[in-house]
Amino acid sequence: MTNKRIPQAMQGYYDAITILTDTFCKERLSNEYAELVRKATAALCRKRPSPLLSGKTESWACGIIQAVGYVNWMFDKSNPFYTNAQTIQEFFVVSKSTAGLRAKTAREALGMDHILNTEWMLQATQDSNPMLWFVKVDGFICDIRTLPREIQEQAYEDGIIPYIPADKEEEVVG
């Protein structure tokens, strides 16, 4: 069955890559990681022309996981999902240079920004990234999580923050 968001001509590439990435994510990461990697793969399938048309499936699977991992601090030993790049490369039997090139291509094509692009971040990465929550109010830099809900709502509506922190607090309490 063809996914509506994946061009029909790219469905085979998407399926082949996500079979590989799902296996890696199941063994070493999480379902949330697998979902982000699938989302990134689908987005690369929609690019015109798609970079996935050149190169081996394994190299793209490796590169996409490394790209998503980079945004989520996967290579930091304090991260609960810590995995070094060599482990990923060995899993997919891909050279360091090829994996790095594919990861860079994916990051650039999808606008993956290490600090501020929440589209490619795990929820835990968003929560722990203080840079996402600093806003300027009347000339002062503040952590928006400490400000009134009305200000949080406005910042969310303006696309400044990924979600309303007060809602998250209500979920924990309620």
C-alpha atoms as a PDB file:
ATOM      1  CA  MET A   1       0.000   0.000   0.000  1.00  0.00           C
ATOM      2  CA  THR A   2       1.411   3.342  -1.031  1.00  0.00           C
ATOM      3  CA  ASN A   3       1.603   6.072   1.580  1.00  0.00           C
ATOM      4  CA  LYS A   4      -0.196   9.222   0.350  1.00  0.00           C
ATOM      5  CA  ARG A   5       2.652  11.411   1.551  1.00  0.00           C
ATOM      6  CA  ILE A   6       5.303   9.477  -0.377  1.00  0.00           C
ATOM      7  CA  PRO A   7       5.498   9.842  -4.149  1.00  0.00           C
ATOM      8  CA  GLN A   8       4.628   6.524  -5.751  1.00  0.00           C
ATOM      9  CA  ALA A   9       7.978   6.420  -7.565  1.00  0.00           C
ATOM     10  CA  MET A  10       9.773   6.708  -4.192  1.00  0.00           C
ATOM     11  CA  GLN A  11       7.694   4.207  -2.199  1.00  0.00           C
ATOM     12  CA  GLY A  12      10.159   1.360  -2.811  1.00  0.00           C
ATOM     13  CA  TYR A  13      13.064   3.468  -1.572  1.00  0.00           C
ATOM     14  CA  TYR A  14      11.084   4.491   1.500  1.00  0.00           C
ATOM     15  CA  ASP A  15      10.111   0.891   2.295  1.00  0.00           C
ATOM     16  CA  ALA A  16      13.650  -0.449   1.836  1.00  0.00           C
ATOM     17  CA  ILE A  17      15.232   2.249   4.001  1.00  0.00           C
ATOM     18  CA  THR A  18      12.651   2.121   6.791  1.00  0.00           C
ATOM     19  CA  ILE A  19      12.887  -1.669   7.090  1.00  0.00           C
ATOM     20  CA  LEU A  20      16.571  -1.169   7.903  1.00  0.00           C
ATOM     21  CA  THR A  21      16.131   1.858  10.155  1.00  0.00           C
ATOM     22  CA  ASP A  22      13.227   0.304  12.064  1.00  0.00           C
ATOM     23  CA  THR A  23      15.418  -2.714  12.834  1.00  0.00           C
ATOM     24  CA  PHE A  24      18.224  -0.521  14.175  1.00  0.00           C
ATOM     25  CA  CYS A  25      15.848   1.672  16.185  1.00  0.00           C
ATOM     26  CA  LYS A  26      14.110  -1.373  17.672  1.00  0.00           C
ATOM     27  CA  GLU A  27      17.423  -2.909  18.748  1.00  0.00           C
ATOM     28  CA  ARG A  28      19.247   0.212  19.951  1.00  0.00           C
ATOM     29  CA  LEU A  29      16.978   3.240  20.246  1.00  0.00           C
ATOM     30  CA  SER A  30      13.210   3.694  20.670  1.00  0.00           C
ATOM     31  CA  ASN A  31       9.884   3.858  18.861  1.00  0.00           C
ATOM     32  CA  GLU A  32      10.021   7.654  19.030  1.00  0.00           C
ATOM     33  CA  TYR A  33      13.394   7.604  17.255  1.00  0.00           C
ATOM     34  CA  ALA A  34      12.008   5.199  14.639  1.00  0.00           C
ATOM     35  CA  GLU A  35       9.094   7.553  14.001  1.00  0.00           C
ATOM     36  CA  LEU A  36      11.387  10.566  13.533  1.00  0.00           C
ATOM     37  CA  VAL A  37      13.636   8.575  11.190  1.00  0.00           C
ATOM     38  CA  ARG A  38      10.589   7.476   9.141  1.00  0.00           C
ATOM     39  CA  LYS A  39       9.441  11.104   8.990  1.00  0.00           C
ATOM     40  CA  ALA A  40      12.887  12.217   7.786  1.00  0.00           C
ATOM     41  CA  THR A  41      12.989   9.427   5.192  1.00  0.00           C
ATOM     42  CA  ALA A  42       9.548  10.426   3.896  1.00  0.00           C
ATOM     43  CA  ALA A  43      10.618  14.070   3.690  1.00  0.00           C
ATOM     44  CA  LEU A  44      13.714  13.096   1.694  1.00  0.00           C
ATOM     45  CA  CYS A  45      11.491  11.041  -0.640  1.00  0.00           C
ATOM     46  CA  ARG A  46       9.450  14.182  -1.350  1.00  0.00           C
ATOM     47  CA  LYS A  47      12.477  16.320  -2.271  1.00  0.00           C
ATOM     48  CA  ARG A  48      12.781  17.121  -5.993  1.00  0.00           C
ATOM     49  CA  PRO A  49      15.029  15.502  -7.009  1.00  0.00           C
ATOM     50  CA  SER A  50      15.264  13.143  -4.078  1.00  0.00           C
ATOM     51  CA  PRO A  51      18.809  12.595  -2.854  1.00  0.00           C
ATOM     52  CA  LEU A  52      17.785   8.993  -2.086  1.00  0.00           C
ATOM     53  CA  LEU A  53      17.936   8.195  -5.806  1.00  0.00           C
ATOM     54  CA  SER A  54      21.720   7.980  -5.650  1.00  0.00           C
ATOM     55  CA  GLY A  55      23.580   5.588  -3.396  1.00  0.00           C
ATOM     56  CA  LYS A  56      22.827   2.397  -1.555  1.00  0.00           C
ATOM     57  CA  THR A  57      19.861   1.921   0.727  1.00  0.00           C
ATOM     58  CA  GLU A  58      22.137   0.963   3.625  1.00  0.00           C
ATOM     59  CA  SER A  59      24.133   4.174   3.315  1.00  0.00           C
ATOM     60  CA  TRP A  60      20.967   6.281   3.437  1.00  0.00           C
ATOM     61  CA  ALA A  61      19.585   4.323   6.400  1.00  0.00           C
ATOM     62  CA  CYS A  62      22.845   4.924   8.255  1.00  0.00           C
ATOM     63  CA  GLY A  63      23.041   8.595   7.289  1.00  0.00           C
ATOM     64  CA  ILE A  64      19.444   9.383   8.219  1.00  0.00           C
ATOM     65  CA  ILE A  65      19.834   7.777  11.652  1.00  0.00           C
ATOM     66  CA  GLN A  66      23.054   9.728  12.199  1.00  0.00           C
ATOM     67  CA  ALA A  67      21.365  12.975  11.107  1.00  0.00           C
ATOM     68  CA  VAL A  68      18.416  12.524  13.472  1.00  0.00           C
ATOM     69  CA  GLY A  69      20.810  11.361  16.184  1.00  0.00           C
ATOM     70  CA  TYR A  70      22.959  14.461  15.733  1.00  0.00           C
ATOM     71  CA  VAL A  71      20.002  16.760  16.398  1.00  0.00           C
ATOM     72  CA  ASN A  72      19.133  14.706  19.493  1.00  0.00           C
ATOM     73  CA  TRP A  73      22.643  14.540  20.976  1.00  0.00           C
ATOM     74  CA  MET A  74      22.890  10.778  20.344  1.00  0.00           C
ATOM     75  CA  PHE A  75      26.687  10.995  20.308  1.00  0.00           C
ATOM     76  CA  ASP A  76      26.853  12.508  23.819  1.00  0.00           C
ATOM     77  CA  LYS A  77      27.730   9.836  26.387  1.00  0.00           C
ATOM     78  CA  SER A  78      25.329  11.366  28.923  1.00  0.00           C
ATOM     79  CA  ASN A  79      22.402  10.735  26.538  1.00  0.00           C
ATOM     80  CA  PRO A  80      20.229   7.711  27.459  1.00  0.00           C
ATOM     81  CA  PHE A  81      20.258   6.693  23.767  1.00  0.00           C
ATOM     82  CA  TYR A  82      24.007   7.172  23.400  1.00  0.00           C
ATOM     83  CA  THR A  83      25.394   5.363  20.396  1.00  0.00           C
ATOM     84  CA  ASN A  84      28.652   6.202  18.692  1.00  0.00           C
ATOM     85  CA  ALA A  85      28.762   6.736  14.948  1.00  0.00           C
ATOM     86  CA  GLN A  86      31.013   3.722  14.445  1.00  0.00           C
ATOM     87  CA  THR A  87      28.362   1.412  15.929  1.00  0.00           C
ATOM     88  CA  ILE A  88      25.778   2.712  13.456  1.00  0.00           C
ATOM     89  CA  GLN A  89      28.199   2.451  10.552  1.00  0.00           C
ATOM     90  CA  GLU A  90      29.155  -1.119  11.463  1.00  0.00           C
ATOM     91  CA  PHE A  91      25.491  -2.116  11.783  1.00  0.00           C
ATOM     92  CA  PHE A  92      24.784  -0.944   8.229  1.00  0.00           C
ATOM     93  CA  VAL A  93      28.249  -1.904   6.884  1.00  0.00           C
ATOM     94  CA  VAL A  94      28.876   1.639   5.658  1.00  0.00           C
ATOM     95  CA  SER A  95      32.168   3.543   5.650  1.00  0.00           C
ATOM     96  CA  LYS A  96      32.669   6.533   7.924  1.00  0.00           C
ATOM     97  CA  SER A  97      33.013   8.939   4.980  1.00  0.00           C
ATOM     98  CA  THR A  98      29.882   7.684   3.203  1.00  0.00           C
ATOM     99  CA  ALA A  99      27.836   7.760   6.412  1.00  0.00           C
ATOM    100  CA  GLY A 100      29.026  11.287   7.159  1.00  0.00           C
ATOM    101  CA  LEU A 101      28.196  12.467   3.648  1.00  0.00           C
ATOM    102  CA  ARG A 102      24.684  10.959   3.775  1.00  0.00           C
ATOM    103  CA  ALA A 103      24.055  12.443   7.235  1.00  0.00           C
ATOM    104  CA  LYS A 104      25.228  15.880   6.100  1.00  0.00           C
ATOM    105  CA  THR A 105      23.071  15.697   2.969  1.00  0.00           C
ATOM    106  CA  ALA A 106      20.010  14.742   5.046  1.00  0.00           C
ATOM    107  CA  ARG A 107      20.640  17.496   7.625  1.00  0.00           C
ATOM    108  CA  GLU A 108      21.058  20.149   4.941  1.00  0.00           C
ATOM    109  CA  ALA A 109      18.095  18.974   2.837  1.00  0.00           C
ATOM    110  CA  LEU A 110      15.767  18.917   5.845  1.00  0.00           C
ATOM    111  CA  GLY A 111      17.025  22.014   7.639  1.00  0.00           C
ATOM    112  CA  MET A 112      18.050  20.083  10.731  1.00  0.00           C
ATOM    113  CA  ASP A 113      19.468  22.654  13.117  1.00  0.00           C
ATOM    114  CA  HIS A 114      21.268  21.326  16.153  1.00  0.00           C
ATOM    115  CA  ILE A 115      19.722  23.762  18.608  1.00  0.00           C
ATOM    116  CA  LEU A 116      16.464  25.282  17.435  1.00  0.00           C
ATOM    117  CA  ASN A 117      14.663  23.089  14.877  1.00  0.00           C
ATOM    118  CA  THR A 118      12.222  21.108  17.014  1.00  0.00           C
ATOM    119  CA  GLU A 119      10.715  19.253  14.056  1.00  0.00           C
ATOM    120  CA  TRP A 120      13.453  16.618  14.296  1.00  0.00           C
ATOM    121  CA  MET A 121      13.815  16.490  18.078  1.00  0.00           C
ATOM    122  CA  LEU A 122      12.659  13.846  20.508  1.00  0.00           C
ATOM    123  CA  GLN A 123      10.335  15.160  23.202  1.00  0.00           C
ATOM    124  CA  ALA A 124      13.049  14.671  25.834  1.00  0.00           C
ATOM    125  CA  THR A 125      15.516  16.696  23.748  1.00  0.00           C
ATOM    126  CA  GLN A 126      13.015  19.545  23.463  1.00  0.00           C
ATOM    127  CA  ASP A 127      12.336  19.477  27.186  1.00  0.00           C
ATOM    128  CA  SER A 128      16.017  19.578  28.129  1.00  0.00           C
ATOM    129  CA  ASN A 129      17.171  22.174  25.585  1.00  0.00           C
ATOM    130  CA  PRO A 130      17.206  25.526  27.396  1.00  0.00           C
ATOM    131  CA  MET A 131      17.788  27.435  24.152  1.00  0.00           C
ATOM    132  CA  LEU A 132      14.245  26.589  23.022  1.00  0.00           C
ATOM    133  CA  TRP A 133      12.725  28.280  26.030  1.00  0.00           C
ATOM    134  CA  PHE A 134      14.624  31.575  26.204  1.00  0.00           C
ATOM    135  CA  VAL A 135      12.637  34.557  24.939  1.00  0.00           C
ATOM    136  CA  LYS A 136      13.156  38.277  25.098  1.00  0.00           C
ATOM    137  CA  VAL A 137      10.461  40.119  27.069  1.00  0.00           C
ATOM    138  CA  ASP A 138      10.775  43.891  27.466  1.00  0.00           C
ATOM    139  CA  GLY A 139      14.505  43.633  26.745  1.00  0.00           C
ATOM    140  CA  PHE A 140      15.136  40.859  29.261  1.00  0.00           C
ATOM    141  CA  ILE A 141      15.923  37.249  28.370  1.00  0.00           C
ATOM    142  CA  CYS A 142      13.566  34.959  30.283  1.00  0.00           C
ATOM    143  CA  ASP A 143      12.795  31.258  30.459  1.00  0.00           C
ATOM    144  CA  ILE A 144       9.261  31.190  29.064  1.00  0.00           C
ATOM    145  CA  ARG A 145       8.410  28.155  31.199  1.00  0.00           C
ATOM    146  CA  THR A 146       8.386  30.497  34.218  1.00  0.00           C
ATOM    147  CA  LEU A 147       6.138  33.124  32.608  1.00  0.00           C
ATOM    148  CA  PRO A 148       2.316  33.320  32.732  1.00  0.00           C
ATOM    149  CA  ARG A 149       0.305  30.996  30.517  1.00  0.00           C
ATOM    150  CA  GLU A 150      -0.957  33.883  28.355  1.00  0.00           C
ATOM    151  CA  ILE A 151       2.600  34.709  27.299  1.00  0.00           C
ATOM    152  CA  GLN A 152       3.303  31.018  26.636  1.00  0.00           C
ATOM    153  CA  GLU A 153       0.178  30.785  24.461  1.00  0.00           C
ATOM    154  CA  GLN A 154       1.210  33.839  22.440  1.00  0.00           C
ATOM    155  CA  ALA A 155       4.732  32.474  21.942  1.00  0.00           C
ATOM    156  CA  TYR A 156       3.277  29.142  20.805  1.00  0.00           C
ATOM    157  CA  GLU A 157       0.879  30.837  18.358  1.00  0.00           C
ATOM    158  CA  ASP A 158       3.800  32.859  16.978  1.00  0.00           C
ATOM    159  CA  GLY A 159       5.803  29.644  16.452  1.00  0.00           C
ATOM    160  CA  ILE A 160       8.483  30.628  18.949  1.00  0.00           C
ATOM    161  CA  ILE A 161       8.118  27.538  21.173  1.00  0.00           C
ATOM    162  CA  PRO A 162       7.157  23.944  20.253  1.00  0.00           C
ATOM    163  CA  TYR A 163       4.362  23.552  22.813  1.00  0.00           C
ATOM    164  CA  ILE A 164       2.797  25.327  25.781  1.00  0.00           C
ATOM    165  CA  PRO A 165       4.831  24.344  28.860  1.00  0.00           C
ATOM    166  CA  ALA A 166       1.877  25.025  31.190  1.00  0.00           C
ATOM    167  CA  ASP A 167      -0.081  22.268  29.384  1.00  0.00           C
ATOM    168  CA  LYS A 168       2.728  19.808  30.085  1.00  0.00           C
ATOM    169  CA  GLU A 169       2.678  20.733  33.781  1.00  0.00           C
ATOM    170  CA  GLU A 170      -1.101  20.171  33.903  1.00  0.00           C
ATOM    171  CA  GLU A 171      -0.634  16.673  32.395  1.00  0.00           C
ATOM    172  CA  VAL A 172       1.862  15.770  35.122  1.00  0.00           C
ATOM    173  CA  VAL A 173      -0.354  17.106  37.925  1.00  0.00           C
ATOM    174  CA  GLY A 174      -3.682  15.892  36.519  1.00  0.00           C
END
